[in-house]
Amino acid sequence: MNVDRAVLSLAGTMVLVSLALGHFVSPYWLLLTAFVGLNLLQAAFTGFCPAATIFRKLGLKSGPAFCGSATAGR
């Protein structure tokens, strides 16, 4: 698994878990869904993703989206 797939897996899991918690526990858990969405949006524009940084420090290999270079994937 590379950093890109790990970030997407984490984001998808967090969205699904927060939706379930929002339905069964409290609607305030939907704020977590909004946070994940905003983080994905800012990562698309800035290229900075805190989760990608953490996964990279844990030893996962970089994929084309989060390799740390502005020319990635070109």
C-alpha atoms as a PDB file:
ATOM      1  CA  MET A   1       0.000   0.000   0.000  1.00  0.00           C
ATOM      2  CA  ASN A   2       1.278   3.471  -0.793  1.00  0.00           C
ATOM      3  CA  VAL A   3       0.525   6.820   0.841  1.00  0.00           C
ATOM      4  CA  ASP A   4      -2.159   7.739  -1.697  1.00  0.00           C
ATOM      5  CA  ARG A   5      -4.198   4.609  -1.101  1.00  0.00           C
ATOM      6  CA  ALA A   6      -3.761   4.895   2.669  1.00  0.00           C
ATOM      7  CA  VAL A   7      -5.018   8.507   2.656  1.00  0.00           C
ATOM      8  CA  LEU A   8      -8.032   7.620   0.528  1.00  0.00           C
ATOM      9  CA  SER A   9      -8.786   4.592   2.727  1.00  0.00           C
ATOM     10  CA  LEU A  10      -8.544   6.684   5.878  1.00  0.00           C
ATOM     11  CA  ALA A  11     -10.740   9.452   4.474  1.00  0.00           C
ATOM     12  CA  GLY A  12     -13.387   7.012   3.270  1.00  0.00           C
ATOM     13  CA  THR A  13     -13.399   5.185   6.586  1.00  0.00           C
ATOM     14  CA  MET A  14     -13.677   8.421   8.562  1.00  0.00           C
ATOM     15  CA  VAL A  15     -16.618   9.606   6.430  1.00  0.00           C
ATOM     16  CA  LEU A  16     -18.498   6.316   6.802  1.00  0.00           C
ATOM     17  CA  VAL A  17     -17.820   6.077  10.548  1.00  0.00           C
ATOM     18  CA  SER A  18     -18.874   9.678  11.146  1.00  0.00           C
ATOM     19  CA  LEU A  19     -22.065   9.158   9.137  1.00  0.00           C
ATOM     20  CA  ALA A  20     -22.913   6.077  11.206  1.00  0.00           C
ATOM     21  CA  LEU A  21     -22.161   7.923  14.455  1.00  0.00           C
ATOM     22  CA  GLY A  22     -24.209  10.882  13.242  1.00  0.00           C
ATOM     23  CA  HIS A  23     -27.165   8.613  12.579  1.00  0.00           C
ATOM     24  CA  PHE A  24     -26.997   6.429  15.679  1.00  0.00           C
ATOM     25  CA  VAL A  25     -25.357   8.645  18.335  1.00  0.00           C
ATOM     26  CA  SER A  26     -25.534  12.382  17.683  1.00  0.00           C
ATOM     27  CA  PRO A  27     -25.857  14.642  14.649  1.00  0.00           C
ATOM     28  CA  TYR A  28     -22.795  16.551  15.883  1.00  0.00           C
ATOM     29  CA  TRP A  29     -20.656  13.694  14.514  1.00  0.00           C
ATOM     30  CA  LEU A  30     -21.484  15.013  11.035  1.00  0.00           C
ATOM     31  CA  LEU A  31     -18.998  17.800  11.780  1.00  0.00           C
ATOM     32  CA  LEU A  32     -16.287  15.158  11.402  1.00  0.00           C
ATOM     33  CA  THR A  33     -17.577  14.454   7.883  1.00  0.00           C
ATOM     34  CA  ALA A  34     -17.368  18.166   7.097  1.00  0.00           C
ATOM     35  CA  PHE A  35     -13.823  18.327   8.497  1.00  0.00           C
ATOM     36  CA  VAL A  36     -12.683  15.392   6.361  1.00  0.00           C
ATOM     37  CA  GLY A  37     -14.260  16.952   3.262  1.00  0.00           C
ATOM     38  CA  LEU A  38     -12.645  20.328   3.907  1.00  0.00           C
ATOM     39  CA  ASN A  39      -9.278  18.676   4.492  1.00  0.00           C
ATOM     40  CA  LEU A  40      -9.555  16.796   1.185  1.00  0.00           C
ATOM     41  CA  LEU A  41     -10.498  20.012  -0.600  1.00  0.00           C
ATOM     42  CA  GLN A  42      -7.575  21.995   0.820  1.00  0.00           C
ATOM     43  CA  ALA A  43      -5.204  19.117   0.012  1.00  0.00           C
ATOM     44  CA  ALA A  44      -6.363  19.213  -3.603  1.00  0.00           C
ATOM     45  CA  PHE A  45      -5.423  22.880  -3.899  1.00  0.00           C
ATOM     46  CA  THR A  46      -2.348  23.110  -1.669  1.00  0.00           C
ATOM     47  CA  GLY A  47      -0.837  19.638  -1.967  1.00  0.00           C
ATOM     48  CA  PHE A  48      -0.438  19.502   1.834  1.00  0.00           C
ATOM     49  CA  CYS A  49      -2.101  16.589   3.595  1.00  0.00           C
ATOM     50  CA  PRO A  50      -1.384  15.924   7.272  1.00  0.00           C
ATOM     51  CA  ALA A  51      -2.399  12.269   6.941  1.00  0.00           C
ATOM     52  CA  ALA A  52       0.017  11.799   4.031  1.00  0.00           C
ATOM     53  CA  THR A  53       2.824  13.245   6.148  1.00  0.00           C
ATOM     54  CA  ILE A  54       2.033  10.840   8.987  1.00  0.00           C
ATOM     55  CA  PHE A  55       1.822   7.815   6.674  1.00  0.00           C
ATOM     56  CA  ARG A  56       5.127   8.792   5.055  1.00  0.00           C
ATOM     57  CA  LYS A  57       6.780   8.989   8.497  1.00  0.00           C
ATOM     58  CA  LEU A  58       5.362   5.543   9.268  1.00  0.00           C
ATOM     59  CA  GLY A  59       7.297   4.194   6.295  1.00  0.00           C
ATOM     60  CA  LEU A  60       4.762   3.950   3.484  1.00  0.00           C
ATOM     61  CA  LYS A  61       6.091   4.697   0.029  1.00  0.00           C
ATOM     62  CA  SER A  62       4.833   7.829  -1.699  1.00  0.00           C
ATOM     63  CA  GLY A  63       2.408   7.508  -4.567  1.00  0.00           C
ATOM     64  CA  PRO A  64       1.977   9.978  -7.426  1.00  0.00           C
ATOM     65  CA  ALA A  65      -0.406  12.314  -5.575  1.00  0.00           C
ATOM     66  CA  PHE A  66       1.566  12.906  -2.358  1.00  0.00           C
ATOM     67  CA  CYS A  67       5.194  12.490  -3.377  1.00  0.00           C
ATOM     68  CA  GLY A  68       6.124  15.955  -2.097  1.00  0.00           C
ATOM     69  CA  SER A  69       6.968  17.406  -5.504  1.00  0.00           C
ATOM     70  CA  ALA A  70       5.052  20.029  -7.439  1.00  0.00           C
ATOM     71  CA  THR A  71       5.747  18.110 -10.639  1.00  0.00           C
ATOM     72  CA  ALA A  72       4.318  14.810  -9.441  1.00  0.00           C
ATOM     73  CA  GLY A  73       2.529  12.783 -12.048  1.00  0.00           C
ATOM     74  CA  ARG A  74       3.770  14.849 -14.995  1.00  0.00           C
END
